[in-house]
Amino acid sequence: MYKISTLFLFLVFTIIANITYAQTFDGEWTADYVTPDDAFSSNSIGQRVISVGAFEENSFVALVRRSDHKDYYLVGYKNANHDSGRLGNYPYNPDSLQTKWINLFDQSFLNEAKDIATAGSYFYVPNNDAQHNILMFELKDDSIYTFPKRLKTNSTEDLWAIDVDGAENVFVTAGGDSSTAGKVLVYNSANWKSDGKTGSLLQEITIPDPGQLRGITVNNNGTVLYVSNWLKNKVYCYTGSPSSGYTLYNGFNFEADSTFEYTLGVDTKTGRVGPWGLQYIDTKNILLITHDTNFGHEGRYHYGRVYFANPNTGEILDTLDVAQWNFQQAGQYDNPDSNGTASGYTSVFNVDYDNNYNLYTTSYYGWAVDKWKYSSELPIIDLTITDVKNTQQNIPTGFTLQQNYPNPFNPTTTIQYTIPNVKRKLHTTSQLVQLKVYDVLGKEVATIVNKEQQPGFYKVKFDASKLSSGIYFYTLYLGEKRITKKLTLIK
């Protein structure tokens, strides 16, 4: 029998640790492919990618920025892989190229646009033209098309990040620098216009600290909102709604190193990093946070990560280390590999996910989009910081109300219900849901839910501490549909 020395085991575990590219829940993230940075490839994006919006698997749009110009353009992909999928013809490193949103005589060129938000096959771009329009486009099988709706914000400050909730309310970040706090602007979904009217501003949130707000994301219900501040290395969490307003939730605390060390020649240097793009995976309740250097940092290719965070606390649950993956695949930080699975030049400024939970990240300096696959199934995290929670990932087909539990109860009980899927022109939309409690005489004694909600499985707690012991009835309303059940309070 052979004895395995402690030193041998230490060396084995050290080697394994050094070739692990991502600390995962119970699986691994690996790059499926990257779009090529090749002047002779018909699949290249051809310039710096600052944001990406994903749709179905291998279907995405890249937002391209020429940093020394105001030229911004969009490149669409369908059924993509490393070698094919690009829609349309694009020159490599074009001298001048701008995507134009056009609706008859109404038009706007992309100008200093930095982010994308997707919904169905549609996507939204915050544009920094004179009117600071939110422009709407559609990805079809052969190209990107203007969708004849835009929202004129008339913001006095430049827009940066964008997201859209399930009711099509739009959330954008605006302004902010080293001495001034940025803002979140929330606009009414009813004010998407094709006639140039200004959108209705529902909410304006001023972030507590100075700094540019590089990322924003919101859950489908619009009840939880996250905003990133690169300068302060912070992600803020707000709870509320577009109609009632938002409150900063102090129980959320994202903590990640604000500096990293890298080697150039014989010198060891320090770089500064912070959070960029954000995405919220609704059916999993996982918050994605890209974390990287600022524009132009000399050691930028040595660092770049995607963090997977708990949406309630900000705790980092998993890490995809893009820079480490690039180095392991190519043997250096500043070059793509020959197999089309590492873009190099790490600059993971934004992230999105498709219907199968594959990730798509930007390689700004690699002029590419990277697709990542997970070897296991992502967990579902219970969202506990809102009163009403979507509890399962499958969309129900029926309208149901479950018996409360416990029953009898004192003084709190839990009620579960389902909202079925309803398809409209753009995407699955929310519906007005009401859950009310009545006494035996039919008098309304409590309203538990009265809000727009996406299709899903929900549970909510009912606190009856202010009511007397007895029998009550609770009714769930959805349009003209209603379901009633009995509950018993015993004190």
Protein backbone atom coordinates (compact mmCIF):
# COMPACT_ATOMS: atom_id res chain seq x y z
CA MET A 1 0.00 0.00 0.00
CA TYR A 2 1.32 3.40 -0.97
CA LYS A 3 1.28 6.35 1.40
CA ILE A 4 0.25 9.71 -0.07
CA SER A 5 2.33 12.47 1.47
CA THR A 6 0.84 15.67 2.79
CA LEU A 7 3.09 17.60 0.42
CA PHE A 8 1.76 15.65 -2.57
CA LEU A 9 -1.86 16.38 -1.60
CA PHE A 10 -1.02 20.05 -1.15
CA LEU A 11 0.49 20.19 -4.63
CA VAL A 12 -2.51 18.44 -6.19
CA PHE A 13 -5.00 20.81 -4.60
CA THR A 14 -2.86 23.79 -5.53
CA ILE A 15 -2.85 22.72 -9.19
CA ILE A 16 -6.61 22.18 -9.15
CA ALA A 17 -7.15 25.60 -7.60
CA ASN A 18 -4.98 27.25 -10.24
CA ILE A 19 -6.96 25.81 -13.16
CA THR A 20 -10.37 26.56 -11.71
CA TYR A 21 -11.78 29.41 -13.73
CA ALA A 22 -14.89 30.12 -11.66
CA GLN A 23 -15.95 29.48 -8.10
CA THR A 24 -19.45 28.18 -8.71
CA PHE A 25 -22.51 27.02 -6.81
CA ASP A 26 -22.00 23.38 -7.84
CA GLY A 27 -20.79 23.59 -11.44
CA GLU A 28 -18.44 25.52 -13.72
CA TRP A 29 -18.76 28.40 -16.15
CA THR A 30 -16.91 27.90 -19.44
CA ALA A 31 -16.85 29.95 -22.62
CA ASP A 32 -18.88 28.32 -25.41
CA TYR A 33 -17.57 30.73 -28.05
CA VAL A 34 -16.56 34.31 -28.69
CA THR A 35 -17.22 36.41 -31.76
CA PRO A 36 -13.92 36.86 -33.65
CA ASP A 37 -11.78 39.97 -33.71
CA ASP A 38 -10.65 39.40 -37.30
CA ALA A 39 -10.62 41.86 -40.18
CA PHE A 40 -11.14 38.98 -42.63
CA SER A 41 -14.06 37.33 -40.83
CA SER A 42 -17.66 37.98 -41.88
CA ASN A 43 -18.67 37.37 -38.25
CA SER A 44 -16.67 40.18 -36.60
CA ILE A 45 -18.22 43.06 -34.72
CA GLY A 46 -15.35 45.27 -35.80
CA GLN A 47 -15.01 47.75 -32.93
CA ARG A 48 -15.38 48.16 -29.16
CA VAL A 49 -18.46 46.55 -27.56
CA ILE A 50 -19.75 48.50 -24.57
CA SER A 51 -23.00 46.58 -23.99
CA VAL A 52 -24.85 43.45 -25.08
CA GLY A 53 -28.51 42.45 -25.03
CA ALA A 54 -29.48 38.78 -25.23
CA PHE A 55 -32.73 37.20 -26.46
CA GLU A 56 -33.08 33.48 -27.23
CA GLU A 57 -29.96 31.32 -27.08
CA ASN A 58 -27.31 32.51 -29.58
CA SER A 59 -29.44 35.54 -30.42
CA PHE A 60 -28.09 38.90 -29.22
CA VAL A 61 -27.29 42.50 -30.11
CA ALA A 62 -23.96 44.24 -29.54
CA LEU A 63 -23.81 48.00 -28.92
CA VAL A 64 -20.58 49.27 -30.48
CA ARG A 65 -18.68 52.40 -29.45
CA ARG A 66 -15.87 54.21 -31.22
CA SER A 67 -14.26 55.85 -28.21
CA ASP A 68 -12.65 58.70 -30.15
CA HIS A 69 -15.83 59.50 -32.10
CA LYS A 70 -19.54 59.93 -31.48
CA ASP A 71 -20.20 57.03 -33.84
CA TYR A 72 -22.24 54.26 -32.24
CA TYR A 73 -23.85 51.34 -34.02
CA LEU A 74 -25.72 48.09 -33.39
CA VAL A 75 -24.76 44.62 -34.63
CA GLY A 76 -27.28 41.76 -34.44
CA TYR A 77 -26.69 37.99 -34.29
CA LYS A 78 -29.03 35.03 -34.82
CA ASN A 79 -28.07 31.35 -34.40
CA ALA A 80 -24.57 32.58 -33.61
CA ASN A 81 -21.34 30.74 -33.06
CA HIS A 82 -17.70 31.74 -33.47
CA ASP A 83 -17.83 31.59 -37.27
CA SER A 84 -21.34 32.69 -38.22
CA GLY A 85 -24.58 34.36 -37.16
CA ARG A 86 -23.94 38.04 -37.82
CA LEU A 87 -26.83 39.82 -39.53
CA GLY A 88 -25.81 42.31 -42.22
CA ASN A 89 -22.50 43.58 -43.59
CA TYR A 90 -20.24 45.74 -41.44
CA PRO A 91 -16.77 47.08 -42.23
CA TYR A 92 -13.99 46.20 -39.83
CA ASN A 93 -12.91 49.26 -37.81
CA PRO A 94 -15.08 51.65 -39.85
CA ASP A 95 -14.07 55.29 -40.22
CA SER A 96 -17.67 56.35 -39.62
CA LEU A 97 -20.79 54.31 -38.90
CA GLN A 98 -23.91 55.29 -36.94
CA THR A 99 -27.14 53.37 -36.51
CA LYS A 100 -30.17 55.51 -37.29
CA TRP A 101 -33.58 55.18 -35.67
CA ILE A 102 -36.12 56.35 -38.26
CA ASN A 103 -39.90 56.63 -38.42
CA LEU A 104 -40.97 58.48 -41.57
CA PHE A 105 -39.60 62.03 -41.12
CA ASP A 106 -38.71 61.43 -37.49
CA GLN A 107 -35.13 60.22 -37.02
CA SER A 108 -32.27 60.07 -34.54
CA PHE A 109 -28.68 58.85 -34.90
CA LEU A 110 -27.10 56.87 -32.07
CA ASN A 111 -24.94 59.27 -30.10
CA GLU A 112 -22.91 58.39 -26.97
CA ALA A 113 -25.20 55.42 -26.25
CA LYS A 114 -23.79 53.07 -23.60
CA ASP A 115 -26.36 50.39 -22.74
CA ILE A 116 -29.17 48.11 -23.98
CA ALA A 117 -32.27 46.65 -22.32
CA THR A 118 -34.17 43.77 -23.96
CA ALA A 119 -37.78 42.54 -23.85
CA GLY A 120 -39.00 39.80 -26.19
CA SER A 121 -37.41 40.54 -29.56
CA TYR A 122 -37.35 44.27 -28.79
CA PHE A 123 -34.64 46.37 -27.19
CA TYR A 124 -34.21 49.86 -25.85
CA VAL A 125 -31.23 52.21 -26.11
CA PRO A 126 -30.72 55.39 -24.03
CA ASN A 127 -29.50 57.91 -26.59
CA ASN A 128 -27.66 61.14 -25.84
CA ASP A 129 -28.98 63.19 -28.72
CA ALA A 130 -30.39 66.67 -28.07
CA GLN A 131 -33.65 65.30 -26.61
CA HIS A 132 -32.04 62.37 -24.78
CA ASN A 133 -34.44 59.91 -26.39
CA ILE A 134 -34.97 56.31 -25.37
CA LEU A 135 -35.02 54.57 -28.76
CA MET A 136 -36.73 51.27 -29.49
CA PHE A 137 -35.52 48.66 -32.00
CA GLU A 138 -36.46 45.12 -33.01
CA LEU A 139 -34.21 42.15 -33.80
CA LYS A 140 -35.64 40.13 -36.69
CA ASP A 141 -34.28 37.12 -38.59
CA ASP A 142 -32.35 39.17 -41.13
CA SER A 143 -31.45 42.45 -39.47
CA ILE A 144 -32.10 45.09 -36.81
CA TYR A 145 -35.11 47.31 -37.51
CA THR A 146 -36.44 50.53 -36.04
CA PHE A 147 -39.55 50.00 -33.95
CA PRO A 148 -41.66 53.15 -34.32
CA LYS A 149 -41.66 54.16 -30.66
CA ARG A 150 -39.39 56.44 -28.71
CA LEU A 151 -39.53 58.26 -25.41
CA LYS A 152 -38.21 61.81 -25.27
CA THR A 153 -36.81 62.39 -21.78
CA ASN A 154 -35.47 65.93 -22.30
CA SER A 155 -33.00 65.12 -19.53
CA THR A 156 -30.53 67.89 -18.74
CA GLU A 157 -27.86 65.27 -18.03
CA ASP A 158 -26.45 62.47 -20.16
CA LEU A 159 -28.00 59.04 -19.81
CA TRP A 160 -25.97 55.90 -19.22
CA ALA A 161 -27.60 52.62 -18.08
CA ILE A 162 -31.11 51.32 -18.80
CA ASP A 163 -33.55 48.60 -17.82
CA VAL A 164 -37.27 48.01 -18.44
CA ASP A 165 -39.69 46.22 -16.12
CA GLY A 166 -42.49 43.86 -17.14
CA ALA A 167 -44.98 46.72 -17.42
CA GLU A 168 -42.61 48.48 -19.84
CA ASN A 169 -41.68 51.26 -17.43
CA VAL A 170 -38.19 52.47 -18.26
CA PHE A 171 -35.42 53.04 -15.71
CA VAL A 172 -32.31 55.03 -16.71
CA THR A 173 -29.33 56.49 -14.89
CA ALA A 174 -28.34 60.09 -15.55
CA GLY A 175 -25.43 62.39 -14.69
CA GLY A 176 -23.04 61.98 -11.80
CA ASP A 177 -19.28 62.50 -11.50
CA SER A 178 -16.55 62.63 -8.82
CA SER A 179 -18.25 65.51 -7.03
CA THR A 180 -21.93 65.11 -8.00
CA ALA A 181 -24.40 62.32 -7.27
CA GLY A 182 -26.10 60.65 -10.22
CA LYS A 183 -29.82 60.02 -10.55
CA VAL A 184 -32.24 57.28 -11.53
CA LEU A 185 -35.13 58.44 -13.73
CA VAL A 186 -38.28 56.29 -14.02
CA TYR A 187 -40.68 56.93 -16.93
CA ASN A 188 -44.25 55.78 -17.46
CA SER A 189 -44.80 52.93 -19.91
CA ALA A 190 -47.88 54.68 -21.34
CA ASN A 191 -45.67 57.42 -22.74
CA TRP A 192 -43.79 55.45 -25.36
CA LYS A 193 -44.56 57.67 -28.31
CA SER A 194 -44.02 57.83 -32.05
CA ASP A 195 -45.03 61.48 -32.22
CA GLY A 196 -42.17 63.04 -30.27
CA LYS A 197 -43.99 63.82 -27.01
CA THR A 198 -42.03 63.93 -23.78
CA GLY A 199 -42.39 60.95 -21.49
CA SER A 200 -44.00 61.25 -18.06
CA LEU A 201 -41.41 61.17 -15.28
CA LEU A 202 -42.75 58.95 -12.49
CA GLN A 203 -39.82 58.98 -10.09
CA GLU A 204 -36.45 60.66 -9.69
CA ILE A 205 -34.01 59.06 -7.24
CA THR A 206 -30.77 60.79 -6.25
CA ILE A 207 -28.09 58.29 -5.25
CA PRO A 208 -26.46 58.98 -1.83
CA ASP A 209 -22.87 59.24 -3.13
CA PRO A 210 -21.14 61.08 -5.99
CA GLY A 211 -20.08 59.02 -8.99
CA GLN A 212 -21.19 57.82 -12.40
CA LEU A 213 -23.93 55.18 -12.34
CA ARG A 214 -22.77 52.53 -14.82
CA GLY A 215 -25.45 49.87 -14.31
CA ILE A 216 -29.12 49.49 -13.42
CA THR A 217 -31.49 46.53 -13.23
CA VAL A 218 -35.01 45.94 -11.93
CA ASN A 219 -37.11 42.83 -11.40
CA ASN A 220 -40.14 42.23 -13.64
CA ASN A 221 -42.56 43.49 -10.99
CA GLY A 222 -40.62 46.72 -10.60
CA THR A 223 -40.44 46.19 -6.84
CA VAL A 224 -36.66 45.81 -6.46
CA LEU A 225 -34.13 48.12 -8.12
CA TYR A 226 -30.31 47.90 -8.15
CA VAL A 227 -27.86 50.62 -9.24
CA SER A 228 -24.05 50.46 -9.52
CA ASN A 229 -21.60 53.27 -8.72
CA TRP A 230 -18.15 52.48 -10.16
CA LEU A 231 -16.36 55.30 -8.33
CA LYS A 232 -17.52 54.15 -4.87
CA ASN A 233 -17.39 50.40 -5.65
CA LYS A 234 -21.02 50.18 -4.50
CA VAL A 235 -24.28 48.60 -5.60
CA TYR A 236 -27.41 50.17 -4.12
CA CYS A 237 -30.69 48.33 -3.55
CA TYR A 238 -34.07 50.08 -3.54
CA THR A 239 -37.52 48.61 -2.85
CA GLY A 240 -40.87 50.08 -3.83
CA SER A 241 -42.68 50.59 -7.14
CA PRO A 242 -42.77 53.02 -10.10
CA SER A 243 -46.06 54.48 -8.83
CA SER A 244 -45.36 54.78 -5.08
CA GLY A 245 -41.61 55.50 -5.19
CA TYR A 246 -38.50 53.73 -3.90
CA THR A 247 -36.69 53.51 -0.56
CA LEU A 248 -33.01 52.67 -0.11
CA TYR A 249 -32.71 49.23 1.50
CA ASN A 250 -29.79 49.38 3.95
CA GLY A 251 -29.71 45.63 4.52
CA PHE A 252 -28.07 45.13 1.11
CA ASN A 253 -24.26 45.33 1.19
CA PHE A 254 -22.19 44.28 -1.83
CA GLU A 255 -18.53 43.90 -0.83
CA ALA A 256 -15.74 43.30 -3.34
CA ASP A 257 -12.12 44.42 -3.50
CA SER A 258 -11.73 47.91 -4.95
CA THR A 259 -8.12 47.30 -6.05
CA PHE A 260 -6.09 44.52 -7.63
CA GLU A 261 -2.42 43.83 -8.23
CA TYR A 262 -0.85 43.11 -11.61
CA THR A 263 2.65 42.79 -13.04
CA LEU A 264 4.07 44.81 -15.92
CA GLY A 265 7.66 43.86 -16.68
CA VAL A 266 9.40 43.58 -13.32
CA ASP A 267 7.05 45.98 -11.56
CA THR A 268 4.05 45.07 -9.43
CA LYS A 269 1.35 47.71 -9.67
CA THR A 270 -2.13 48.37 -8.30
CA GLY A 271 -5.28 49.03 -10.29
CA ARG A 272 -8.69 50.28 -9.27
CA VAL A 273 -11.91 48.38 -10.04
CA GLY A 274 -15.64 48.72 -9.44
CA PRO A 275 -19.08 47.51 -10.56
CA TRP A 276 -20.29 48.16 -14.12
CA GLY A 277 -23.30 46.42 -15.67
CA LEU A 278 -26.08 44.73 -13.69
CA GLN A 279 -28.69 42.12 -14.60
CA TYR A 280 -31.39 40.54 -12.46
CA ILE A 281 -32.39 36.95 -13.30
CA ASP A 282 -36.05 37.02 -12.28
CA THR A 283 -36.87 33.34 -12.32
CA LYS A 284 -33.78 32.59 -10.19
CA ASN A 285 -33.57 35.80 -8.13
CA ILE A 286 -29.84 36.10 -8.82
CA LEU A 287 -28.15 39.48 -9.27
CA LEU A 288 -25.34 39.61 -11.87
CA ILE A 289 -22.65 42.26 -11.32
CA THR A 290 -19.78 42.89 -13.75
CA HIS A 291 -16.67 44.21 -12.02
CA ASP A 292 -13.75 45.73 -13.89
CA THR A 293 -11.31 48.60 -14.36
CA ASN A 294 -12.17 51.98 -15.80
CA PHE A 295 -11.53 53.01 -19.41
CA GLY A 296 -7.86 53.12 -20.39
CA HIS A 297 -6.25 51.67 -17.27
CA GLU A 298 -2.83 50.25 -18.16
CA GLY A 299 -3.38 46.94 -16.35
CA ARG A 300 -6.93 46.53 -17.56
CA TYR A 301 -6.55 43.13 -19.24
CA HIS A 302 -5.44 41.43 -16.00
CA TYR A 303 -8.79 41.86 -14.26
CA GLY A 304 -12.46 41.35 -15.11
CA ARG A 305 -15.18 39.38 -13.34
CA VAL A 306 -18.89 38.62 -13.14
CA TYR A 307 -20.18 38.24 -9.60
CA PHE A 308 -23.35 36.31 -8.74
CA ALA A 309 -24.91 38.00 -5.70
CA ASN A 310 -27.72 37.30 -3.26
CA PRO A 311 -30.46 39.85 -4.10
CA ASN A 312 -31.41 40.31 -0.44
CA THR A 313 -27.98 40.80 1.16
CA GLY A 314 -25.47 41.50 -1.64
CA GLU A 315 -23.37 38.50 -0.58
CA ILE A 316 -21.20 37.15 -3.42
CA LEU A 317 -22.27 33.54 -4.06
CA ASP A 318 -20.23 32.74 -7.16
CA THR A 319 -17.52 34.32 -9.34
CA LEU A 320 -16.78 34.03 -13.04
CA ASP A 321 -13.17 35.22 -13.45
CA VAL A 322 -13.03 36.21 -17.11
CA ALA A 323 -9.41 37.47 -17.02
CA GLN A 324 -8.19 34.22 -15.48
CA TRP A 325 -10.08 32.21 -18.11
CA ASN A 326 -8.51 34.24 -20.91
CA PHE A 327 -5.03 33.74 -19.47
CA GLN A 328 -5.48 29.98 -19.03
CA GLN A 329 -6.81 29.56 -22.58
CA ALA A 330 -4.36 31.80 -24.45
CA GLY A 331 -1.33 31.91 -22.13
CA GLN A 332 -1.49 35.69 -21.96
CA TYR A 333 -3.95 38.41 -21.06
CA ASP A 334 -3.81 40.49 -24.24
CA ASN A 335 -4.59 38.06 -27.02
CA PRO A 336 -7.52 35.82 -28.05
CA ASP A 337 -6.95 32.09 -28.25
CA SER A 338 -6.95 30.16 -31.54
CA ASN A 339 -10.00 28.01 -30.64
CA GLY A 340 -12.50 30.85 -30.46
CA THR A 341 -13.19 30.37 -26.73
CA ALA A 342 -11.31 33.35 -25.25
CA SER A 343 -11.52 36.94 -26.42
CA GLY A 344 -8.53 38.26 -24.45
CA TYR A 345 -8.18 41.95 -23.59
CA THR A 346 -10.55 41.49 -20.64
CA SER A 347 -13.06 44.32 -20.33
CA VAL A 348 -16.29 42.85 -19.03
CA PHE A 349 -18.35 46.03 -18.80
CA ASN A 350 -21.78 44.46 -19.29
CA VAL A 351 -23.59 41.13 -19.09
CA ASP A 352 -26.93 39.67 -20.13
CA TYR A 353 -28.50 36.19 -20.18
CA ASP A 354 -30.73 34.23 -22.55
CA ASN A 355 -33.78 32.02 -22.01
CA ASN A 356 -31.54 29.07 -21.08
CA TYR A 357 -29.47 31.08 -18.58
CA ASN A 358 -26.36 31.28 -20.74
CA LEU A 359 -24.42 34.48 -20.14
CA TYR A 360 -23.18 36.99 -22.74
CA THR A 361 -20.41 39.37 -21.70
CA THR A 362 -18.70 42.23 -23.47
CA SER A 363 -15.02 42.31 -24.32
CA TYR A 364 -14.75 46.04 -24.91
CA TYR A 365 -11.07 46.01 -25.85
CA GLY A 366 -11.33 42.59 -27.46
CA TRP A 367 -14.02 43.88 -29.87
CA ALA A 368 -16.10 40.80 -29.10
CA VAL A 369 -19.00 39.19 -27.23
CA ASP A 370 -18.32 36.06 -25.14
CA LYS A 371 -20.98 33.39 -24.54
CA TRP A 372 -20.72 31.37 -21.30
CA LYS A 373 -22.38 28.06 -20.42
CA TYR A 374 -22.95 26.58 -16.97
CA SER A 375 -22.33 22.89 -16.29
CA SER A 376 -25.15 22.56 -13.74
CA GLU A 377 -28.48 24.18 -12.90
CA LEU A 378 -28.59 27.60 -11.29
CA PRO A 379 -30.32 27.63 -7.91
CA ILE A 380 -33.43 29.63 -7.07
CA ILE A 381 -32.94 32.15 -4.26
CA ASP A 382 -35.97 33.26 -2.25
CA LEU A 383 -36.48 37.02 -2.59
CA THR A 384 -37.30 38.10 0.96
CA ILE A 385 -37.03 41.91 0.86
CA THR A 386 -40.42 42.45 -0.80
CA ASP A 387 -43.84 41.68 0.66
CA VAL A 388 -45.02 39.62 -2.31
CA LYS A 389 -42.65 37.04 -3.78
CA ASN A 390 -42.63 35.16 -7.09
CA THR A 391 -41.73 31.72 -5.78
CA GLN A 392 -41.22 29.43 -8.81
CA GLN A 393 -39.62 29.64 -12.22
CA ASN A 394 -42.30 27.94 -14.37
CA ILE A 395 -45.03 30.21 -15.70
CA PRO A 396 -48.46 28.85 -14.66
CA THR A 397 -51.27 28.27 -17.15
CA GLY A 398 -54.16 28.78 -14.71
CA PHE A 399 -55.56 31.32 -12.25
CA THR A 400 -55.54 29.68 -8.80
CA LEU A 401 -55.83 30.55 -5.10
CA GLN A 402 -54.53 28.11 -2.47
CA GLN A 403 -55.89 27.54 1.02
CA ASN A 404 -53.98 29.68 3.51
CA TYR A 405 -51.58 28.00 5.93
CA PRO A 406 -51.63 27.59 8.82
CA ASN A 407 -55.40 27.62 9.20
CA PRO A 408 -56.65 28.34 11.85
CA PHE A 409 -53.89 30.88 12.55
CA ASN A 410 -52.74 33.53 15.04
CA PRO A 411 -51.93 36.21 13.97
CA THR A 412 -50.15 35.60 10.63
CA THR A 413 -50.79 33.19 7.77
CA THR A 414 -49.44 32.62 4.26
CA ILE A 415 -51.54 32.76 1.07
CA GLN A 416 -50.35 31.41 -2.28
CA TYR A 417 -51.80 32.10 -5.73
CA THR A 418 -50.90 31.91 -9.42
CA ILE A 419 -51.25 34.43 -12.23
CA PRO A 420 -51.43 32.87 -15.72
CA ASN A 421 -49.52 33.97 -18.80
CA VAL A 422 -51.11 36.54 -21.11
CA LYS A 423 -49.30 37.38 -24.36
CA ARG A 424 -49.54 40.83 -25.89
CA LYS A 425 -47.82 42.47 -28.84
CA LEU A 426 -44.44 43.20 -27.31
CA HIS A 427 -43.97 40.60 -24.59
CA THR A 428 -45.62 38.99 -21.61
CA THR A 429 -47.21 41.82 -19.63
CA SER A 430 -48.28 42.35 -16.07
CA GLN A 431 -51.92 42.45 -14.92
CA LEU A 432 -53.72 44.16 -12.05
CA VAL A 433 -54.08 41.72 -9.14
CA GLN A 434 -56.08 42.34 -5.96
CA LEU A 435 -56.27 40.19 -2.84
CA LYS A 436 -58.82 41.39 -0.26
CA VAL A 437 -60.16 40.10 3.07
CA TYR A 438 -63.83 40.37 4.15
CA ASP A 439 -65.73 39.62 7.36
CA VAL A 440 -68.83 37.40 7.48
CA LEU A 441 -71.05 40.44 6.70
CA GLY A 442 -69.15 41.13 3.48
CA LYS A 443 -67.33 44.20 4.81
CA GLU A 444 -63.79 44.66 3.47
CA VAL A 445 -61.33 44.57 6.39
CA ALA A 446 -57.96 44.37 4.61
CA THR A 447 -56.29 44.73 1.22
CA ILE A 448 -53.24 42.47 0.98
CA VAL A 449 -52.34 42.98 -2.69
CA ASN A 450 -53.32 45.75 -5.11
CA LYS A 451 -50.70 46.00 -7.85
CA GLU A 452 -49.61 45.00 -11.35
CA GLN A 453 -47.95 41.58 -11.34
CA GLN A 454 -46.21 39.38 -13.91
CA PRO A 455 -47.38 35.79 -14.54
CA GLY A 456 -45.99 33.50 -11.85
CA PHE A 457 -46.44 31.69 -8.55
CA TYR A 458 -46.81 34.07 -5.60
CA LYS A 459 -46.99 33.87 -1.84
CA VAL A 460 -47.78 36.66 0.61
CA LYS A 461 -48.09 36.89 4.38
CA PHE A 462 -51.27 38.27 5.96
CA ASP A 463 -50.99 39.85 9.41
CA ALA A 464 -54.39 39.83 11.18
CA SER A 465 -53.16 41.15 14.54
CA LYS A 466 -55.61 44.08 14.32
CA LEU A 467 -58.65 41.86 13.70
CA SER A 468 -60.84 39.99 16.16
CA SER A 469 -61.08 36.22 16.33
CA GLY A 470 -63.52 34.74 13.87
CA ILE A 471 -64.17 33.54 10.33
CA TYR A 472 -63.12 35.67 7.37
CA PHE A 473 -63.08 35.29 3.59
CA TYR A 474 -60.24 36.23 1.23
CA THR A 475 -60.86 36.92 -2.47
CA LEU A 476 -58.36 37.08 -5.33
CA TYR A 477 -59.33 39.33 -8.27
CA LEU A 478 -57.82 39.22 -11.79
CA GLY A 479 -59.86 41.23 -14.28
CA GLU A 480 -63.38 39.79 -14.18
CA LYS A 481 -62.16 36.58 -12.53
CA ARG A 482 -62.34 36.01 -8.80
CA ILE A 483 -61.74 33.17 -6.35
CA THR A 484 -62.80 33.17 -2.68
CA LYS A 485 -61.68 30.98 0.24
CA LYS A 486 -62.33 30.95 4.01
CA LEU A 487 -59.80 31.50 6.80
CA THR A 488 -60.15 31.29 10.58
CA LEU A 489 -58.41 33.57 13.08
CA ILE A 490 -58.13 32.26 16.66
CA LYS A 491 -56.49 34.45 19.31
